[in-house]
Amino acid sequence: MKDTPAPTDMEARWQRWAAQTRAWGPRGNERLTTSVGLVLLVLLGIETLTTLALSSYLPEHIFLGLLLIPPVALKLASTGWRFVRYYTNSRPYRLAGPPRLFLRLIAPVLVVSTLTLFGSGVALIVVGHGGGPLLQLHAASFAVWGVLVAIHILAYLTRVLREGSADWRRHADRVAGDGGRRAALLGAVLAGVILALATYSAQDSWLDHRHEHRHADDVAHAAAAPARTEER
């Protein structure tokens, strides 16, 4: 029985390149996209619930919104990579096929509304006041984003629930690059936590300014009420 010869340096480099290609190919990309999607499904679900009683959960809403930025950026990068590879005629991505036509049509609007939603939210914290055009833009972009992301979730929910935890399951089919994908996801979540904690004082300052602004408005309205009564 002959021993299998050790691979040459060229063969070893080729094997590493082939593994990296599989990791960043359609299957690896889908694993990353669905795993990030699963995390976002949970976090965005909680974030959306805070909007049902925003006056009570506004601090949590702001904190979660900032925490979400790196995972959302990773999701956009993953789907953007697939878009670029498909439309630059990468053979593996062309064979995997595009998303459904309707989802491709709404994708640009979903991306723009996502960037506007999170960008306006960050701008509100940076500017440091409690309302105005930025708040209106934030609310309007949330209305558009909410409809589109609901459609997106319905379209991909089954796939995300089936594949989203595959890189973390011991007995799931292994796709090359699983360690890198796990590191990318954990890194994005950790970066979000760090961002939310690092900006906590700015969040608190914005909330205080908003409270003071509303208190001043209430005082002004209360002072104006007797004058209106006397005029009558």
Protein backbone atom coordinates (compact mmCIF):
# COMPACT_ATOMS: atom_id res chain seq x y z
CA MET A 1 0.00 0.00 0.00
CA LYS A 2 1.51 3.28 -1.12
CA ASP A 3 1.57 6.34 1.10
CA THR A 4 -0.30 9.35 -0.24
CA PRO A 5 2.29 11.96 -1.17
CA ALA A 6 2.16 15.24 0.74
CA PRO A 7 0.74 18.12 -1.31
CA THR A 8 3.23 20.52 -2.81
CA ASP A 9 3.22 24.21 -1.89
CA MET A 10 1.29 24.98 -5.08
CA GLU A 11 -1.30 22.32 -4.34
CA ALA A 12 -1.64 23.52 -0.75
CA ARG A 13 -2.19 27.08 -1.93
CA TRP A 14 -4.77 25.85 -4.43
CA GLN A 15 -6.61 23.91 -1.70
CA ARG A 16 -6.69 27.01 0.53
CA TRP A 17 -7.95 29.14 -2.36
CA ALA A 18 -10.64 26.56 -3.17
CA ALA A 19 -11.77 26.51 0.48
CA GLN A 20 -11.95 30.31 0.54
CA THR A 21 -13.91 30.30 -2.71
CA ARG A 22 -16.44 27.89 -1.21
CA ALA A 23 -16.61 30.00 1.95
CA TRP A 24 -17.42 33.15 -0.04
CA GLY A 25 -19.45 31.33 -2.68
CA PRO A 26 -23.25 31.15 -2.79
CA ARG A 27 -23.58 28.57 0.00
CA GLY A 28 -21.24 30.39 2.36
CA ASN A 29 -22.92 33.68 1.54
CA GLU A 30 -26.34 32.20 2.20
CA ARG A 31 -25.19 30.80 5.53
CA LEU A 32 -23.89 34.21 6.61
CA THR A 33 -26.99 36.03 5.37
CA THR A 34 -29.41 33.67 7.12
CA SER A 35 -27.45 33.60 10.38
CA VAL A 36 -27.37 37.40 10.53
CA GLY A 37 -31.03 37.40 9.52
CA LEU A 38 -31.91 35.15 12.45
CA VAL A 39 -30.21 37.49 14.92
CA LEU A 40 -31.87 40.51 13.32
CA LEU A 41 -35.25 38.79 13.44
CA VAL A 42 -35.00 38.66 17.23
CA LEU A 43 -33.45 42.11 17.77
CA LEU A 44 -35.71 43.92 15.30
CA GLY A 45 -38.71 42.16 16.80
CA ILE A 46 -37.84 43.56 20.23
CA GLU A 47 -37.08 46.98 18.73
CA THR A 48 -40.45 47.05 16.97
CA LEU A 49 -42.23 46.10 20.20
CA THR A 50 -40.77 49.18 21.89
CA THR A 51 -42.58 51.38 19.34
CA LEU A 52 -45.95 50.13 20.64
CA ALA A 53 -45.35 52.10 23.86
CA LEU A 54 -42.58 54.44 22.79
CA SER A 55 -43.12 56.96 25.58
CA SER A 56 -42.38 54.24 28.13
CA TYR A 57 -39.63 52.40 26.25
CA LEU A 58 -37.84 55.21 24.42
CA PRO A 59 -34.49 54.63 26.23
CA GLU A 60 -34.57 50.94 25.28
CA HIS A 61 -35.60 51.89 21.72
CA ILE A 62 -32.58 54.15 21.29
CA PHE A 63 -30.15 51.69 22.90
CA LEU A 64 -31.32 48.79 20.73
CA GLY A 65 -31.32 50.97 17.63
CA LEU A 66 -27.63 51.75 18.10
CA LEU A 67 -26.83 48.13 18.97
CA LEU A 68 -28.45 47.05 15.69
CA ILE A 69 -26.22 49.16 13.44
CA PRO A 70 -23.26 46.74 13.06
CA PRO A 71 -25.44 43.62 12.52
CA VAL A 72 -27.54 45.52 9.97
CA ALA A 73 -24.33 46.66 8.25
CA LEU A 74 -23.15 43.05 8.09
CA LYS A 75 -26.47 41.98 6.56
CA LEU A 76 -26.23 44.73 3.93
CA ALA A 77 -22.63 43.73 3.18
CA SER A 78 -23.59 40.06 2.77
CA THR A 79 -26.53 40.74 0.46
CA GLY A 80 -24.53 43.42 -1.36
CA TRP A 81 -21.75 40.90 -2.01
CA ARG A 82 -24.26 38.50 -3.57
CA PHE A 83 -25.66 41.33 -5.70
CA VAL A 84 -22.23 42.35 -6.97
CA ARG A 85 -21.11 38.79 -7.68
CA TYR A 86 -24.31 37.95 -9.52
CA TYR A 87 -24.29 41.04 -11.73
CA THR A 88 -20.57 40.73 -12.47
CA ASN A 89 -21.34 37.29 -13.95
CA SER A 90 -19.70 35.13 -11.29
CA ARG A 91 -20.53 31.63 -12.52
CA PRO A 92 -21.41 30.08 -9.11
CA TYR A 93 -23.72 32.98 -8.27
CA ARG A 94 -25.32 32.94 -11.71
CA LEU A 95 -26.00 29.22 -11.33
CA ALA A 96 -27.50 29.79 -7.87
CA GLY A 97 -29.91 32.24 -9.48
CA PRO A 98 -31.30 35.61 -8.39
CA PRO A 99 -33.96 36.34 -5.76
CA ARG A 100 -37.55 36.52 -6.91
CA LEU A 101 -38.32 39.45 -9.21
CA PHE A 102 -40.60 41.31 -6.77
CA LEU A 103 -37.97 41.10 -4.01
CA ARG A 104 -35.34 42.46 -6.40
CA LEU A 105 -37.64 45.36 -7.28
CA ILE A 106 -38.22 46.41 -3.67
CA ALA A 107 -34.62 45.79 -2.57
CA PRO A 108 -33.28 49.28 -3.51
CA VAL A 109 -36.11 50.98 -1.62
CA LEU A 110 -35.55 48.68 1.36
CA VAL A 111 -31.84 49.52 1.43
CA VAL A 112 -32.46 53.27 1.13
CA SER A 113 -35.17 53.23 3.83
CA THR A 114 -32.87 51.19 6.11
CA LEU A 115 -30.00 53.66 5.69
CA THR A 116 -32.37 56.60 6.19
CA LEU A 117 -33.96 55.05 9.27
CA PHE A 118 -30.71 54.33 11.08
CA GLY A 119 -28.94 57.41 9.73
CA SER A 120 -31.68 59.76 10.93
CA GLY A 121 -31.72 58.00 14.30
CA VAL A 122 -27.99 58.55 14.74
CA ALA A 123 -28.32 62.14 13.51
CA LEU A 124 -30.95 62.81 16.17
CA ILE A 125 -28.50 61.74 18.88
CA VAL A 126 -25.63 63.72 17.35
CA VAL A 127 -27.65 66.92 16.84
CA GLY A 128 -28.97 66.61 20.36
CA HIS A 129 -32.50 67.93 20.15
CA GLY A 130 -35.79 66.18 20.62
CA GLY A 131 -37.71 66.78 17.42
CA GLY A 132 -37.93 68.71 14.18
CA PRO A 133 -37.44 67.55 10.58
CA LEU A 134 -35.03 64.78 11.59
CA LEU A 135 -37.65 63.17 13.80
CA GLN A 136 -40.23 63.44 11.01
CA LEU A 137 -37.77 61.84 8.58
CA HIS A 138 -37.08 59.08 11.09
CA ALA A 139 -40.80 58.37 11.53
CA ALA A 140 -41.51 58.46 7.78
CA SER A 141 -38.61 56.15 6.94
CA PHE A 142 -39.77 53.75 9.66
CA ALA A 143 -43.23 53.60 8.07
CA VAL A 144 -41.76 52.71 4.65
CA TRP A 145 -39.13 50.38 6.11
CA GLY A 146 -41.70 48.57 8.27
CA VAL A 147 -43.84 47.58 5.30
CA LEU A 148 -40.90 46.45 3.17
CA VAL A 149 -39.12 44.55 5.92
CA ALA A 150 -42.37 42.72 6.76
CA ILE A 151 -42.55 41.54 3.13
CA HIS A 152 -38.87 40.58 3.27
CA ILE A 153 -39.37 38.57 6.47
CA LEU A 154 -42.38 36.71 5.10
CA ALA A 155 -40.42 35.81 1.96
CA TYR A 156 -37.38 34.46 3.79
CA LEU A 157 -38.70 33.36 7.19
CA THR A 158 -38.74 29.63 6.43
CA ARG A 159 -35.19 29.72 5.04
CA VAL A 160 -33.86 31.76 7.95
CA LEU A 161 -35.40 29.44 10.55
CA ARG A 162 -34.06 26.39 8.70
CA GLU A 163 -30.56 27.62 7.84
CA GLY A 164 -29.89 30.46 10.27
CA SER A 165 -28.36 28.31 13.01
CA ALA A 166 -26.65 25.79 10.70
CA ASP A 167 -23.13 27.12 11.32
CA TRP A 168 -23.71 26.64 15.05
CA ARG A 169 -25.23 23.15 14.93
CA ARG A 170 -22.86 20.23 15.42
CA HIS A 171 -24.57 17.83 13.03
CA ALA A 172 -25.50 20.27 10.26
CA ASP A 173 -23.87 20.00 6.84
CA ARG A 174 -20.61 21.88 7.05
CA VAL A 175 -19.86 24.66 4.58
CA ALA A 176 -16.26 25.93 4.42
CA GLY A 177 -15.68 29.18 6.28
CA ASP A 178 -18.06 28.49 9.16
CA GLY A 179 -15.52 29.71 11.72
CA GLY A 180 -15.10 33.02 9.89
CA ARG A 181 -18.85 33.48 9.60
CA ARG A 182 -19.36 32.82 13.31
CA ALA A 183 -16.59 35.31 14.11
CA ALA A 184 -18.13 37.93 11.80
CA LEU A 185 -21.55 37.56 13.42
CA LEU A 186 -20.23 37.61 16.99
CA GLY A 187 -18.02 40.57 16.10
CA ALA A 188 -20.97 42.51 14.70
CA VAL A 189 -23.09 41.89 17.80
CA LEU A 190 -20.19 42.77 20.10
CA ALA A 191 -19.51 45.94 18.11
CA GLY A 192 -23.17 46.86 18.49
CA VAL A 193 -23.05 46.39 22.26
CA ILE A 194 -19.87 48.49 22.48
CA LEU A 195 -21.41 51.23 20.31
CA ALA A 196 -24.60 51.34 22.39
CA LEU A 197 -22.66 51.45 25.68
CA ALA A 198 -20.11 53.99 24.41
CA THR A 199 -22.88 56.40 23.39
CA TYR A 200 -25.01 55.90 26.48
CA SER A 201 -24.22 59.36 27.88
CA ALA A 202 -25.26 60.95 24.56
CA GLN A 203 -28.48 58.95 24.62
CA ASP A 204 -29.18 60.08 28.18
CA SER A 205 -28.44 63.70 27.26
CA TRP A 206 -30.86 63.54 24.32
CA LEU A 207 -33.59 62.10 26.54
CA ASP A 208 -33.03 64.82 29.16
CA HIS A 209 -33.18 67.53 26.50
CA ARG A 210 -36.39 66.05 25.12
CA HIS A 211 -37.93 65.92 28.59
CA GLU A 212 -36.96 69.53 29.32
CA HIS A 213 -38.32 70.67 25.95
CA ARG A 214 -41.65 68.97 26.57
CA HIS A 215 -41.81 70.34 30.12
CA ALA A 216 -41.24 73.87 28.81
CA ASP A 217 -44.02 73.38 26.25
CA ASP A 218 -46.39 72.15 28.97
CA VAL A 219 -45.60 75.18 31.14
CA ALA A 220 -46.16 77.53 28.20
CA HIS A 221 -49.50 75.93 27.38
CA ALA A 222 -50.57 76.06 31.02
CA ALA A 223 -49.66 79.76 31.24
CA ALA A 224 -51.55 80.53 28.03
CA ALA A 225 -54.71 78.74 29.15
CA PRO A 226 -55.92 81.44 31.69
CA ALA A 227 -55.33 84.17 29.09
CA ARG A 228 -57.50 82.40 26.57
CA THR A 229 -60.18 81.90 29.22
CA GLU A 230 -60.22 85.65 30.09
CA GLU A 231 -60.55 86.57 26.42
CA ARG A 232 -63.70 84.51 26.23
